[in-house]
Amino acid sequence: LSRYEGWALFIAGVGVVLLWSFVADFRKKSPEANFVVFGVLGGYGIVLWFLYNLIIFHDPLYFLHSAYSAQVINGAQAKFGLLGTKGSLKLSALTYGWDMVNVVSAAVLVSGVLSIVALLAIRHPARRRTCFILGLLAAPVVFEVLTLYAGQITIRVPELAPHGMWNVRYGLMVLPLCAVAIGVLAGRLRWTAAPLAGVIVVSTVMAGLGTPITLADGRTGTSSAAAGHPEIAAQYLHNHYKGGEILADDSSASPFMFAANLDLKEFVSPGAHPFWEYALASPARHVAWAVALPGDAVS
């Protein structure tokens, strides 16, 4: 539940548990009991996240509309025409489709889709349960497309304008769906096991011959922590640091903060309420160092 895709999985899970209780569990009060137990346990982490925002930022919805939220960041991109997926279901589906192809490979993705179709078409005793499970695992994939359409997230793939690599790791959300679909089909139709295994082995070997796109994005893409060479300034701070607190906006300075190899409690960042506000208002009185990146709160 540390990512919002997990929230989509939880919501889908609540629906699946409730529906399954009605169609397959005929014990008295079973739907109510299952719904409450699953809802409380599954949603506990989400409640804690709202509570964290309320305690630290005095706003339970701070994560939705703060200066560091996806909504604000993507809103700034939209002004420059860099959020083409917003309002376009076709482009949203194409973007996430290319992302899935780049991450899990076209062969595995096609095998997964064909496996899903086959499992829905083949009559077998566990078909209803299989449909529920596949629907549950498909929830994060649908969520990614919808959030692209709503302009809540940004994914850039080399195949589509504005090209480049950004957040391509989101394509991993389809991997559990493909893995389960392929595995269940291989178990149901044993003659499919060898060809499906061959597809996976060949795709894995081919991926190993090049640089996986998630690794390339982490090294050189927009998602790269090394973008801007933070280690140069971080080394300067490390060499000259003689104590005292450091003012830094961790929405932009996180790579620098970790590269400095100092105790993180020495950094005054937005989560350090109310010291962050005091240090921004009067840095010289409250901190020994200030780290500013272009356009961040400190600058």
Protein backbone atom coordinates (compact mmCIF):
# COMPACT_ATOMS: atom_id res chain seq x y z
CA LEU A 1 0.00 0.00 0.00
CA SER A 2 3.01 2.33 -0.34
CA ARG A 3 1.91 3.05 -3.93
CA TYR A 4 -1.48 4.12 -5.23
CA GLU A 5 -1.60 1.16 -7.61
CA GLY A 6 -1.90 -0.84 -4.42
CA TRP A 7 -4.95 1.21 -3.51
CA ALA A 8 -6.55 0.20 -6.80
CA LEU A 9 -5.73 -3.43 -5.99
CA PHE A 10 -7.29 -3.03 -2.54
CA ILE A 11 -10.50 -1.50 -3.93
CA ALA A 12 -10.76 -4.28 -6.51
CA GLY A 13 -10.02 -6.77 -3.73
CA VAL A 14 -12.92 -5.49 -1.65
CA GLY A 15 -15.23 -5.98 -4.63
CA VAL A 16 -13.90 -9.46 -5.36
CA VAL A 17 -14.16 -10.58 -1.74
CA LEU A 18 -17.72 -9.28 -1.50
CA LEU A 19 -18.86 -10.84 -4.79
CA TRP A 20 -17.15 -14.15 -4.05
CA SER A 21 -18.85 -14.26 -0.66
CA PHE A 22 -22.24 -13.98 -2.35
CA VAL A 23 -21.64 -16.52 -5.13
CA ALA A 24 -19.49 -19.13 -3.42
CA ASP A 25 -19.64 -18.77 0.38
CA PHE A 26 -23.13 -19.58 1.58
CA ARG A 27 -22.53 -19.31 5.33
CA LYS A 28 -24.87 -16.96 7.17
CA LYS A 29 -23.60 -13.35 7.36
CA SER A 30 -20.51 -14.43 5.38
CA PRO A 31 -20.48 -11.41 2.97
CA GLU A 32 -20.65 -8.94 5.85
CA ALA A 33 -17.95 -10.75 7.85
CA ASN A 34 -15.58 -11.15 4.91
CA PHE A 35 -16.11 -7.54 3.83
CA VAL A 36 -15.38 -6.14 7.29
CA VAL A 37 -12.34 -8.31 8.02
CA PHE A 38 -10.74 -7.81 4.60
CA GLY A 39 -11.63 -4.11 4.53
CA VAL A 40 -10.18 -3.38 7.97
CA LEU A 41 -6.95 -5.32 7.44
CA GLY A 42 -6.45 -4.26 3.83
CA GLY A 43 -7.34 -0.61 4.37
CA TYR A 44 -5.39 -0.12 7.61
CA GLY A 45 -2.30 1.15 5.79
CA ILE A 46 -4.36 3.65 3.79
CA VAL A 47 -5.88 5.01 7.00
CA LEU A 48 -2.39 5.43 8.45
CA TRP A 49 -1.34 7.39 5.35
CA PHE A 50 -4.25 9.83 5.80
CA LEU A 51 -3.36 10.08 9.48
CA TYR A 52 0.29 10.78 8.65
CA ASN A 53 -0.70 13.63 6.32
CA LEU A 54 -3.02 15.04 8.98
CA ILE A 55 -0.39 14.96 11.74
CA ILE A 56 2.62 16.17 9.74
CA PHE A 57 0.97 18.59 7.30
CA HIS A 58 -2.35 19.33 9.08
CA ASP A 59 -4.23 18.16 5.98
CA PRO A 60 -5.30 14.53 5.41
CA LEU A 61 -5.40 15.18 1.62
CA TYR A 62 -2.00 16.91 1.49
CA PHE A 63 -0.66 14.21 -0.83
CA LEU A 64 -3.33 15.08 -3.42
CA HIS A 65 -2.79 18.82 -3.88
CA SER A 66 0.53 19.79 -2.28
CA ALA A 67 3.34 21.38 -4.29
CA TYR A 68 4.92 17.91 -4.49
CA SER A 69 1.82 16.05 -5.63
CA ALA A 70 1.50 14.40 -9.02
CA GLN A 71 -1.43 16.70 -9.76
CA VAL A 72 0.66 19.86 -9.41
CA ILE A 73 3.74 18.46 -11.14
CA ASN A 74 1.74 17.14 -14.08
CA GLY A 75 -0.28 20.36 -14.21
CA ALA A 76 2.96 22.26 -14.82
CA GLN A 77 3.83 19.82 -17.63
CA ALA A 78 0.43 20.27 -19.21
CA LYS A 79 1.08 24.00 -19.60
CA PHE A 80 4.02 23.17 -21.87
CA GLY A 81 2.15 20.53 -23.85
CA LEU A 82 4.07 17.65 -22.26
CA LEU A 83 1.02 15.80 -20.96
CA GLY A 84 -0.48 14.47 -24.16
CA THR A 85 -2.22 11.52 -22.49
CA LYS A 86 -4.56 13.74 -20.47
CA GLY A 87 -8.05 13.52 -21.92
CA SER A 88 -7.02 11.01 -24.58
CA LEU A 89 -7.95 7.42 -23.85
CA LYS A 90 -6.30 6.25 -27.07
CA LEU A 91 -2.95 7.87 -26.29
CA SER A 92 -3.14 6.73 -22.68
CA ALA A 93 -3.66 3.12 -23.78
CA LEU A 94 -0.91 3.37 -26.41
CA THR A 95 1.55 4.86 -23.94
CA TYR A 96 0.96 2.21 -21.32
CA GLY A 97 0.85 -0.49 -24.00
CA TRP A 98 4.33 0.46 -25.25
CA ASP A 99 5.50 0.64 -21.65
CA MET A 100 4.33 -2.90 -20.96
CA VAL A 101 5.94 -4.15 -24.17
CA ASN A 102 9.24 -2.52 -23.26
CA VAL A 103 9.24 -3.88 -19.72
CA VAL A 104 7.94 -7.45 -19.99
CA SER A 105 8.62 -7.93 -23.75
CA ALA A 106 6.09 -8.26 -26.55
CA ALA A 107 6.29 -12.06 -26.50
CA VAL A 108 5.42 -12.37 -22.81
CA LEU A 109 2.68 -9.73 -23.06
CA VAL A 110 1.06 -11.42 -26.08
CA SER A 111 1.33 -14.82 -24.37
CA GLY A 112 -0.32 -13.38 -21.28
CA VAL A 113 -3.20 -11.85 -23.26
CA LEU A 114 -3.76 -15.06 -25.24
CA SER A 115 -3.67 -17.04 -22.00
CA ILE A 116 -6.34 -14.80 -20.49
CA VAL A 117 -8.57 -15.23 -23.54
CA ALA A 118 -8.10 -18.98 -23.47
CA LEU A 119 -8.86 -19.23 -19.75
CA LEU A 120 -12.05 -17.23 -20.20
CA ALA A 121 -13.14 -19.43 -23.12
CA ILE A 122 -12.23 -22.89 -21.80
CA ARG A 123 -14.83 -24.54 -19.59
CA HIS A 124 -13.30 -25.94 -16.41
CA PRO A 125 -14.45 -26.27 -12.77
CA ALA A 126 -12.32 -23.36 -11.53
CA ARG A 127 -13.15 -20.92 -14.35
CA ARG A 128 -15.21 -18.62 -12.16
CA ARG A 129 -12.49 -18.40 -9.52
CA THR A 130 -9.88 -17.85 -12.24
CA CYS A 131 -11.91 -14.95 -13.67
CA PHE A 132 -12.07 -13.32 -10.25
CA ILE A 133 -8.30 -13.62 -9.78
CA LEU A 134 -7.47 -12.31 -13.25
CA GLY A 135 -9.87 -9.41 -12.74
CA LEU A 136 -8.16 -8.59 -9.46
CA LEU A 137 -4.69 -8.63 -11.02
CA ALA A 138 -5.89 -6.53 -13.96
CA ALA A 139 -7.01 -3.70 -11.63
CA PRO A 140 -3.57 -2.00 -11.38
CA VAL A 141 -3.21 -2.12 -15.19
CA VAL A 142 -6.58 -0.45 -15.70
CA PHE A 143 -5.67 2.04 -12.97
CA GLU A 144 -2.49 3.08 -14.80
CA VAL A 145 -4.38 3.77 -18.03
CA LEU A 146 -7.07 5.76 -16.22
CA THR A 147 -4.53 7.86 -14.30
CA LEU A 148 -2.72 8.63 -17.56
CA TYR A 149 -6.06 9.69 -19.02
CA ALA A 150 -6.78 11.86 -15.96
CA GLY A 151 -3.32 13.45 -16.13
CA GLN A 152 -2.38 12.16 -12.68
CA ILE A 153 0.77 10.37 -13.81
CA THR A 154 3.31 10.81 -16.57
CA ILE A 155 4.97 8.00 -18.51
CA ARG A 156 7.33 8.62 -21.40
CA VAL A 157 8.37 5.88 -23.76
CA PRO A 158 10.86 6.11 -26.66
CA GLU A 159 8.18 5.22 -29.23
CA LEU A 160 5.83 8.18 -28.60
CA ALA A 161 6.24 11.97 -28.40
CA PRO A 162 7.80 13.64 -26.47
CA HIS A 163 9.87 10.41 -26.38
CA GLY A 164 12.49 9.68 -23.78
CA MET A 165 12.11 7.54 -20.65
CA TRP A 166 10.20 8.50 -17.54
CA ASN A 167 8.46 6.25 -15.00
CA VAL A 168 8.77 3.28 -17.36
CA ARG A 169 8.92 0.99 -14.32
CA TYR A 170 5.12 1.35 -14.09
CA GLY A 171 4.93 -1.24 -16.86
CA LEU A 172 5.78 -3.89 -14.26
CA MET A 173 2.16 -3.76 -13.06
CA VAL A 174 1.18 -6.18 -15.83
CA LEU A 175 3.74 -8.81 -14.81
CA PRO A 176 1.67 -10.54 -12.07
CA LEU A 177 -1.31 -10.72 -14.44
CA CYS A 178 0.78 -12.30 -17.22
CA ALA A 179 2.58 -14.65 -14.83
CA VAL A 180 -0.61 -16.02 -13.29
CA ALA A 181 -2.47 -16.27 -16.61
CA ILE A 182 0.39 -18.11 -18.33
CA GLY A 183 0.97 -20.37 -15.32
CA VAL A 184 -2.70 -21.31 -14.92
CA LEU A 185 -3.09 -22.04 -18.64
CA ALA A 186 0.01 -24.24 -18.58
CA GLY A 187 -1.54 -26.11 -15.66
CA ARG A 188 -4.90 -26.53 -17.38
CA LEU A 189 -3.58 -27.44 -20.84
CA ARG A 190 -0.33 -29.30 -20.28
CA TRP A 191 0.58 -29.22 -23.96
CA THR A 192 0.93 -25.41 -23.73
CA ALA A 193 3.52 -25.58 -20.93
CA ALA A 194 6.57 -26.20 -23.15
CA PRO A 195 5.89 -23.45 -25.73
CA LEU A 196 4.97 -20.93 -23.03
CA ALA A 197 8.12 -21.77 -21.07
CA GLY A 198 10.11 -21.39 -24.30
CA VAL A 199 8.66 -17.91 -24.84
CA ILE A 200 9.66 -16.87 -21.35
CA VAL A 201 13.19 -18.28 -21.63
CA VAL A 202 13.83 -16.69 -25.04
CA SER A 203 12.45 -13.33 -23.86
CA THR A 204 14.63 -13.44 -20.75
CA VAL A 205 17.76 -14.24 -22.77
CA MET A 206 17.01 -11.47 -25.27
CA ALA A 207 16.43 -8.98 -22.44
CA GLY A 208 19.80 -9.96 -20.98
CA LEU A 209 21.58 -9.24 -24.26
CA GLY A 210 20.71 -5.54 -23.98
CA THR A 211 20.01 -3.04 -21.22
CA PRO A 212 16.49 -3.44 -19.76
CA ILE A 213 14.55 -0.21 -20.19
CA THR A 214 13.87 0.13 -16.46
CA LEU A 215 17.63 0.04 -15.82
CA ALA A 216 18.31 2.44 -18.69
CA ASP A 217 15.73 4.87 -17.29
CA GLY A 218 17.35 4.65 -13.87
CA ARG A 219 20.78 5.36 -15.33
CA THR A 220 20.17 7.97 -18.01
CA GLY A 221 16.42 8.68 -18.27
CA THR A 222 14.38 11.44 -16.68
CA SER A 223 13.83 9.18 -13.66
CA SER A 224 17.59 8.90 -13.13
CA ALA A 225 18.78 9.82 -9.66
CA ALA A 226 22.09 10.85 -11.22
CA ALA A 227 20.55 13.47 -13.50
CA GLY A 228 22.36 16.76 -12.98
CA HIS A 229 25.36 15.04 -11.32
CA PRO A 230 24.33 15.62 -7.68
CA GLU A 231 27.43 13.80 -6.49
CA ILE A 232 29.64 16.83 -7.29
CA ALA A 233 27.82 19.19 -4.91
CA ALA A 234 27.26 16.35 -2.43
CA GLN A 235 31.00 15.67 -2.25
CA TYR A 236 31.66 19.38 -1.63
CA LEU A 237 29.22 19.40 1.29
CA HIS A 238 30.63 16.17 2.69
CA ASN A 239 34.20 17.55 2.59
CA HIS A 240 33.34 20.89 4.19
CA TYR A 241 30.58 19.87 6.61
CA LYS A 242 31.45 20.73 10.23
CA GLY A 243 28.01 20.24 11.75
CA GLY A 244 24.73 22.12 11.79
CA GLU A 245 21.43 21.54 10.04
CA ILE A 246 20.97 21.63 6.26
CA LEU A 247 17.92 23.17 4.54
CA ALA A 248 16.89 21.11 1.51
CA ASP A 249 13.71 20.53 -0.49
CA ASP A 250 13.67 16.74 -0.75
CA SER A 251 11.21 16.81 -3.66
CA SER A 252 14.18 17.79 -5.84
CA ALA A 253 17.21 17.26 -3.60
CA SER A 254 16.76 13.60 -2.56
CA PRO A 255 19.60 12.29 -4.78
CA PHE A 256 21.89 14.99 -3.38
CA MET A 257 20.88 14.21 0.22
CA PHE A 258 21.70 10.53 -0.10
CA ALA A 259 24.89 11.16 -2.08
CA ALA A 260 26.17 13.47 0.70
CA ASN A 261 26.33 10.43 3.00
CA LEU A 262 25.40 12.44 6.09
CA ASP A 263 22.90 11.61 8.83
CA LEU A 264 19.48 12.33 7.31
CA LYS A 265 18.23 13.85 10.58
CA GLU A 266 20.55 16.81 9.88
CA PHE A 267 18.42 17.79 6.87
CA VAL A 268 15.48 20.16 7.36
CA SER A 269 12.95 19.25 4.65
CA PRO A 270 9.18 19.71 4.11
CA GLY A 271 8.28 16.83 6.42
CA ALA A 272 10.09 18.49 9.36
CA HIS A 273 7.12 20.57 10.48
CA PRO A 274 7.33 23.36 11.75
CA PHE A 275 11.13 23.67 11.44
CA TRP A 276 10.87 23.70 7.65
CA GLU A 277 8.68 26.81 7.70
CA TYR A 278 10.97 28.54 10.23
CA ALA A 279 14.10 27.77 8.20
CA LEU A 280 12.51 28.98 4.95
CA ALA A 281 11.48 32.24 6.60
CA SER A 282 14.90 32.89 8.14
CA PRO A 283 17.60 30.44 6.98
CA ALA A 284 20.53 32.19 8.70
CA ARG A 285 18.87 31.85 12.12
CA HIS A 286 17.95 28.17 11.85
CA VAL A 287 20.36 26.27 9.58
CA ALA A 288 24.08 26.22 8.76
CA TRP A 289 23.67 25.20 5.11
CA ALA A 290 21.07 25.70 2.39
CA VAL A 291 20.81 23.51 -0.72
CA ALA A 292 18.89 25.05 -3.64
CA LEU A 293 18.00 23.45 -6.94
CA PRO A 294 16.47 25.53 -9.75
CA GLY A 295 12.78 26.07 -9.14
CA ASP A 296 12.51 24.31 -5.79
CA ALA A 297 11.14 25.80 -2.54
CA VAL A 298 14.57 26.75 -1.19
CA SER A 299 15.60 28.61 -4.35
